[in-house]
Amino acid sequence: MSEHDSEILTPEQVAELLHVSPRTMEEWRRTRTGPPWRRMGRHVRYLRREVLVWFEELDSDG
């Protein structure tokens, strides 16, 4: 695991990484269908490695 893998990302950064809108990220959190996330007070954050694992595990027929 590299130092880059443990990078903490904002919802906007994850949206850019996945090429989706920030609004899509909000919807995924609401419906619990997106990558794992954590709340830090009022802030939502993601671990880069968890986002990439979530993406790799998506069903390509989805």
PDB file of N, CA and C in Angstrom:
ATOM      1  N   MET A   1       0.850  -1.185   0.000  1.00  0.00           N
ATOM      2  CA  MET A   1       0.000   0.000   0.000  1.00  0.00           C
ATOM      3  C   MET A   1       0.887   1.237   0.000  1.00  0.00           C
ATOM      4  N   SER A   2       0.618   2.149  -0.883  1.00  0.00           N
ATOM      5  CA  SER A   2       1.413   3.372  -0.953  1.00  0.00           C
ATOM      6  C   SER A   2       0.758   4.459  -0.104  1.00  0.00           C
ATOM      7  N   GLU A   3       1.520   5.495   0.147  1.00  0.00           N
ATOM      8  CA  GLU A   3       1.001   6.645   0.896  1.00  0.00           C
ATOM      9  C   GLU A   3      -0.176   7.267   0.147  1.00  0.00           C
ATOM     10  N   HIS A   4      -0.134   7.219  -1.169  1.00  0.00           N
ATOM     11  CA  HIS A   4      -1.205   7.776  -2.009  1.00  0.00           C
ATOM     12  C   HIS A   4      -2.527   7.030  -1.779  1.00  0.00           C
ATOM     13  N   ASP A   5      -2.459   5.716  -1.495  1.00  0.00           N
ATOM     14  CA  ASP A   5      -3.664   4.916  -1.281  1.00  0.00           C
ATOM     15  C   ASP A   5      -4.454   5.366  -0.062  1.00  0.00           C
ATOM     16  N   SER A   6      -3.784   5.891   0.942  1.00  0.00           N
ATOM     17  CA  SER A   6      -4.466   6.306   2.164  1.00  0.00           C
ATOM     18  C   SER A   6      -4.884   7.773   2.123  1.00  0.00           C
ATOM     19  N   GLU A   7      -4.794   8.374   0.946  1.00  0.00           N
ATOM     20  CA  GLU A   7      -5.181   9.774   0.774  1.00  0.00           C
ATOM     21  C   GLU A   7      -6.657   9.962   1.118  1.00  0.00           C
ATOM     22  N   ILE A   8      -6.948  11.024   1.834  1.00  0.00           N
ATOM     23  CA  ILE A   8      -8.318  11.373   2.208  1.00  0.00           C
ATOM     24  C   ILE A   8      -8.846  12.360   1.178  1.00  0.00           C
ATOM     25  N   LEU A   9     -10.017  12.045   0.608  1.00  0.00           N
ATOM     26  CA  LEU A   9     -10.585  12.849  -0.477  1.00  0.00           C
ATOM     27  C   LEU A   9     -11.914  13.472  -0.080  1.00  0.00           C
ATOM     28  N   THR A  10     -12.201  14.618  -0.662  1.00  0.00           N
ATOM     29  CA  THR A  10     -13.503  15.264  -0.497  1.00  0.00           C
ATOM     30  C   THR A  10     -14.485  14.639  -1.500  1.00  0.00           C
ATOM     31  N   PRO A  11     -15.786  14.847  -1.305  1.00  0.00           N
ATOM     32  CA  PRO A  11     -16.759  14.357  -2.289  1.00  0.00           C
ATOM     33  C   PRO A  11     -16.490  14.911  -3.689  1.00  0.00           C
ATOM     34  N   GLU A  12     -16.055  16.148  -3.772  1.00  0.00           N
ATOM     35  CA  GLU A  12     -15.771  16.755  -5.078  1.00  0.00           C
ATOM     36  C   GLU A  12     -14.590  16.066  -5.758  1.00  0.00           C
ATOM     37  N   GLN A  13     -13.578  15.719  -4.985  1.00  0.00           N
ATOM     38  CA  GLN A  13     -12.421  15.023  -5.552  1.00  0.00           C
ATOM     39  C   GLN A  13     -12.804  13.627  -6.035  1.00  0.00           C
ATOM     40  N   VAL A  14     -13.660  12.938  -5.274  1.00  0.00           N
ATOM     41  CA  VAL A  14     -14.100  11.607  -5.692  1.00  0.00           C
ATOM     42  C   VAL A  14     -14.966  11.712  -6.941  1.00  0.00           C
ATOM     43  N   ALA A  15     -15.821  12.709  -7.000  1.00  0.00           N
ATOM     44  CA  ALA A  15     -16.647  12.921  -8.194  1.00  0.00           C
ATOM     45  C   ALA A  15     -15.747  13.112  -9.416  1.00  0.00           C
ATOM     46  N   GLU A  16     -14.697  13.889  -9.276  1.00  0.00           N
ATOM     47  CA  GLU A  16     -13.768  14.112 -10.382  1.00  0.00           C
ATOM     48  C   GLU A  16     -13.044  12.812 -10.749  1.00  0.00           C
ATOM     49  N   LEU A  17     -12.608  12.072  -9.743  1.00  0.00           N
ATOM     50  CA  LEU A  17     -11.911  10.807  -9.974  1.00  0.00           C
ATOM     51  C   LEU A  17     -12.787   9.822 -10.755  1.00  0.00           C
ATOM     52  N   LEU A  18     -14.081   9.772 -10.407  1.00  0.00           N
ATOM     53  CA  LEU A  18     -15.006   8.819 -11.027  1.00  0.00           C
ATOM     54  C   LEU A  18     -15.726   9.400 -12.247  1.00  0.00           C
ATOM     55  N   HIS A  19     -15.460  10.663 -12.556  1.00  0.00           N
ATOM     56  CA  HIS A  19     -16.097  11.340 -13.701  1.00  0.00           C
ATOM     57  C   HIS A  19     -17.620  11.345 -13.567  1.00  0.00           C
ATOM     58  N   VAL A  20     -18.079  11.728 -12.383  1.00  0.00           N
ATOM     59  CA  VAL A  20     -19.513  11.920 -12.128  1.00  0.00           C
ATOM     60  C   VAL A  20     -19.680  13.288 -11.481  1.00  0.00           C
ATOM     61  N   SER A  21     -20.910  13.735 -11.355  1.00  0.00           N
ATOM     62  CA  SER A  21     -21.163  15.042 -10.750  1.00  0.00           C
ATOM     63  C   SER A  21     -21.173  14.934  -9.219  1.00  0.00           C
ATOM     64  N   PRO A  22     -20.889  16.043  -8.544  1.00  0.00           N
ATOM     65  CA  PRO A  22     -21.018  16.050  -7.084  1.00  0.00           C
ATOM     66  C   PRO A  22     -22.438  15.684  -6.636  1.00  0.00           C
ATOM     67  N   ARG A  23     -23.414  16.026  -7.448  1.00  0.00           N
ATOM     68  CA  ARG A  23     -24.805  15.672  -7.121  1.00  0.00           C
ATOM     69  C   ARG A  23     -24.996  14.151  -7.135  1.00  0.00           C
ATOM     70  N   THR A  24     -24.333  13.468  -8.060  1.00  0.00           N
ATOM     71  CA  THR A  24     -24.375  12.000  -8.087  1.00  0.00           C
ATOM     72  C   THR A  24     -23.779  11.441  -6.806  1.00  0.00           C
ATOM     73  N   MET A  25     -22.685  12.034  -6.344  1.00  0.00           N
ATOM     74  CA  MET A  25     -22.076  11.594  -5.089  1.00  0.00           C
ATOM     75  C   MET A  25     -23.060  11.735  -3.940  1.00  0.00           C
ATOM     76  N   GLU A  26     -23.792  12.842  -3.890  1.00  0.00           N
ATOM     77  CA  GLU A  26     -24.799  13.050  -2.845  1.00  0.00           C
ATOM     78  C   GLU A  26     -25.878  11.971  -2.907  1.00  0.00           C
ATOM     79  N   GLU A  27     -26.336  11.671  -4.109  1.00  0.00           N
ATOM     80  CA  GLU A  27     -27.371  10.648  -4.291  1.00  0.00           C
ATOM     81  C   GLU A  27     -26.861   9.282  -3.837  1.00  0.00           C
ATOM     82  N   TRP A  28     -25.638   8.948  -4.198  1.00  0.00           N
ATOM     83  CA  TRP A  28     -25.065   7.670  -3.789  1.00  0.00           C
ATOM     84  C   TRP A  28     -24.957   7.562  -2.277  1.00  0.00           C
ATOM     85  N   ARG A  29     -24.613   8.678  -1.595  1.00  0.00           N
ATOM     86  CA  ARG A  29     -24.559   8.633  -0.128  1.00  0.00           C
ATOM     87  C   ARG A  29     -25.949   8.438   0.441  1.00  0.00           C
ATOM     88  N   ARG A  30     -26.922   9.152  -0.118  1.00  0.00           N
ATOM     89  CA  ARG A  30     -28.296   9.069   0.382  1.00  0.00           C
ATOM     90  C   ARG A  30     -28.858   7.655   0.234  1.00  0.00           C
ATOM     91  N   THR A  31     -28.556   7.024  -0.899  1.00  0.00           N
ATOM     92  CA  THR A  31     -29.105   5.694  -1.176  1.00  0.00           C
ATOM     93  C   THR A  31     -28.150   4.576  -0.759  1.00  0.00           C
ATOM     94  N   ARG A  32     -26.992   4.947  -0.234  1.00  0.00           N
ATOM     95  CA  ARG A  32     -25.976   3.985   0.210  1.00  0.00           C
ATOM     96  C   ARG A  32     -25.568   3.014  -0.907  1.00  0.00           C
ATOM     97  N   THR A  33     -25.405   3.568  -2.115  1.00  0.00           N
ATOM     98  CA  THR A  33     -25.008   2.746  -3.260  1.00  0.00           C
ATOM     99  C   THR A  33     -23.612   3.074  -3.761  1.00  0.00           C
ATOM    100  N   GLY A  34     -23.005   4.105  -3.217  1.00  0.00           N
ATOM    101  CA  GLY A  34     -21.685   4.540  -3.676  1.00  0.00           C
ATOM    102  C   GLY A  34     -20.567   3.990  -2.822  1.00  0.00           C
ATOM    103  N   PRO A  35     -19.391   4.548  -3.002  1.00  0.00           N
ATOM    104  CA  PRO A  35     -18.232   4.086  -2.240  1.00  0.00           C
ATOM    105  C   PRO A  35     -18.376   4.424  -0.755  1.00  0.00           C
ATOM    106  N   PRO A  36     -17.677   3.679   0.103  1.00  0.00           N
ATOM    107  CA  PRO A  36     -17.733   3.944   1.547  1.00  0.00           C
ATOM    108  C   PRO A  36     -17.244   5.355   1.865  1.00  0.00           C
ATOM    109  N   TRP A  37     -17.875   5.975   2.845  1.00  0.00           N
ATOM    110  CA  TRP A  37     -17.507   7.328   3.242  1.00  0.00           C
ATOM    111  C   TRP A  37     -17.574   7.458   4.749  1.00  0.00           C
ATOM    112  N   ARG A  38     -17.017   8.532   5.255  1.00  0.00           N
ATOM    113  CA  ARG A  38     -17.011   8.818   6.687  1.00  0.00           C
ATOM    114  C   ARG A  38     -17.405  10.274   6.905  1.00  0.00           C
ATOM    115  N   ARG A  39     -18.010  10.505   8.044  1.00  0.00           N
ATOM    116  CA  ARG A  39     -18.375  11.873   8.401  1.00  0.00           C
ATOM    117  C   ARG A  39     -17.414  12.362   9.481  1.00  0.00           C
ATOM    118  N   MET A  40     -16.881  13.556   9.248  1.00  0.00           N
ATOM    119  CA  MET A  40     -16.041  14.238  10.239  1.00  0.00           C
ATOM    120  C   MET A  40     -16.794  15.510  10.620  1.00  0.00           C
ATOM    121  N   GLY A  41     -17.588  15.416  11.657  1.00  0.00           N
ATOM    122  CA  GLY A  41     -18.453  16.552  11.982  1.00  0.00           C
ATOM    123  C   GLY A  41     -19.436  16.759  10.844  1.00  0.00           C
ATOM    124  N   ARG A  42     -19.383  17.917  10.204  1.00  0.00           N
ATOM    125  CA  ARG A  42     -20.274  18.200   9.070  1.00  0.00           C
ATOM    126  C   ARG A  42     -19.657  17.847   7.730  1.00  0.00           C
ATOM    127  N   HIS A  43     -18.436  17.337   7.740  1.00  0.00           N
ATOM    128  CA  HIS A  43     -17.706  17.064   6.500  1.00  0.00           C
ATOM    129  C   HIS A  43     -17.733  15.583   6.150  1.00  0.00           C
ATOM    130  N   VAL A  44     -17.892  15.283   4.872  1.00  0.00           N
ATOM    131  CA  VAL A  44     -17.847  13.915   4.361  1.00  0.00           C
ATOM    132  C   VAL A  44     -16.488  13.696   3.707  1.00  0.00           C
ATOM    133  N   ARG A  45     -15.882  12.549   4.001  1.00  0.00           N
ATOM    134  CA  ARG A  45     -14.575  12.237   3.420  1.00  0.00           C
ATOM    135  C   ARG A  45     -14.521  10.777   2.996  1.00  0.00           C
ATOM    136  N   TYR A  46     -13.648  10.505   2.034  1.00  0.00           N
ATOM    137  CA  TYR A  46     -13.455   9.177   1.470  1.00  0.00           C
ATOM    138  C   TYR A  46     -11.982   8.815   1.542  1.00  0.00           C
ATOM    139  N   LEU A  47     -11.696   7.526   1.672  1.00  0.00           N
ATOM    140  CA  LEU A  47     -10.326   7.044   1.518  1.00  0.00           C
ATOM    141  C   LEU A  47     -10.160   6.591   0.077  1.00  0.00           C
ATOM    142  N   ARG A  48      -9.134   7.087  -0.579  1.00  0.00           N
ATOM    143  CA  ARG A  48      -8.903   6.786  -1.995  1.00  0.00           C
ATOM    144  C   ARG A  48      -8.915   5.279  -2.262  1.00  0.00           C
ATOM    145  N   ARG A  49      -8.213   4.502  -1.432  1.00  0.00           N
ATOM    146  CA  ARG A  49      -8.132   3.059  -1.683  1.00  0.00           C
ATOM    147  C   ARG A  49      -9.502   2.399  -1.617  1.00  0.00           C
ATOM    148  N   GLU A  50     -10.383   2.865  -0.714  1.00  0.00           N
ATOM    149  CA  GLU A  50     -11.724   2.285  -0.618  1.00  0.00           C
ATOM    150  C   GLU A  50     -12.583   2.639  -1.825  1.00  0.00           C
ATOM    151  N   VAL A  51     -12.406   3.837  -2.344  1.00  0.00           N
ATOM    152  CA  VAL A  51     -13.135   4.238  -3.558  1.00  0.00           C
ATOM    153  C   VAL A  51     -12.709   3.353  -4.725  1.00  0.00           C
ATOM    154  N   LEU A  52     -11.407   3.122  -4.857  1.00  0.00           N
ATOM    155  CA  LEU A  52     -10.907   2.307  -5.969  1.00  0.00           C
ATOM    156  C   LEU A  52     -11.332   0.847  -5.826  1.00  0.00           C
ATOM    157  N   VAL A  53     -11.323   0.318  -4.610  1.00  0.00           N
ATOM    158  CA  VAL A  53     -11.798  -1.062  -4.387  1.00  0.00           C
ATOM    159  C   VAL A  53     -13.277  -1.154  -4.735  1.00  0.00           C
ATOM    160  N   TRP A  54     -14.071  -0.182  -4.277  1.00  0.00           N
ATOM    161  CA  TRP A  54     -15.507  -0.171  -4.589  1.00  0.00           C
ATOM    162  C   TRP A  54     -15.710  -0.177  -6.109  1.00  0.00           C
ATOM    163  N   PHE A  55     -14.949   0.659  -6.811  1.00  0.00           N
ATOM    164  CA  PHE A  55     -15.074   0.741  -8.265  1.00  0.00           C
ATOM    165  C   PHE A  55     -14.705  -0.585  -8.922  1.00  0.00           C
ATOM    166  N   GLU A  56     -13.615  -1.185  -8.481  1.00  0.00           N
ATOM    167  CA  GLU A  56     -13.169  -2.446  -9.073  1.00  0.00           C
ATOM    168  C   GLU A  56     -14.155  -3.582  -8.853  1.00  0.00           C
ATOM    169  N   GLU A  57     -14.939  -3.499  -7.774  1.00  0.00           N
ATOM    170  CA  GLU A  57     -15.893  -4.560  -7.462  1.00  0.00           C
ATOM    171  C   GLU A  57     -17.259  -4.357  -8.122  1.00  0.00           C
ATOM    172  N   LEU A  58     -17.443  -3.247  -8.835  1.00  0.00           N
ATOM    173  CA  LEU A  58     -18.718  -3.033  -9.512  1.00  0.00           C
ATOM    174  C   LEU A  58     -18.955  -4.109 -10.561  1.00  0.00           C
ATOM    175  N   ASP A  59     -20.199  -4.511 -10.693  1.00  0.00           N
ATOM    176  CA  ASP A  59     -20.587  -5.474 -11.717  1.00  0.00           C
ATOM    177  C   ASP A  59     -20.615  -4.765 -13.066  1.00  0.00           C
ATOM    178  N   SER A  60     -19.835  -5.237 -14.006  1.00  0.00           N
ATOM    179  CA  SER A  60     -19.770  -4.566 -15.307  1.00  0.00           C
ATOM    180  C   SER A  60     -21.072  -4.663 -16.080  1.00  0.00           C
ATOM    181  N   ASP A  61     -21.993  -5.561 -15.664  1.00  0.00           N
ATOM    182  CA  ASP A  61     -23.299  -5.654 -16.324  1.00  0.00           C
ATOM    183  C   ASP A  61     -24.275  -4.630 -15.771  1.00  0.00           C
ATOM    184  N   GLY A  62     -23.889  -4.008 -14.605  1.00  0.00           N
ATOM    185  CA  GLY A  62     -24.709  -3.112 -13.821  1.00  0.00           C
ATOM    186  C   GLY A  62     -25.556  -2.175 -14.504  1.00  0.00           C
TER     187      GLY A  62
END
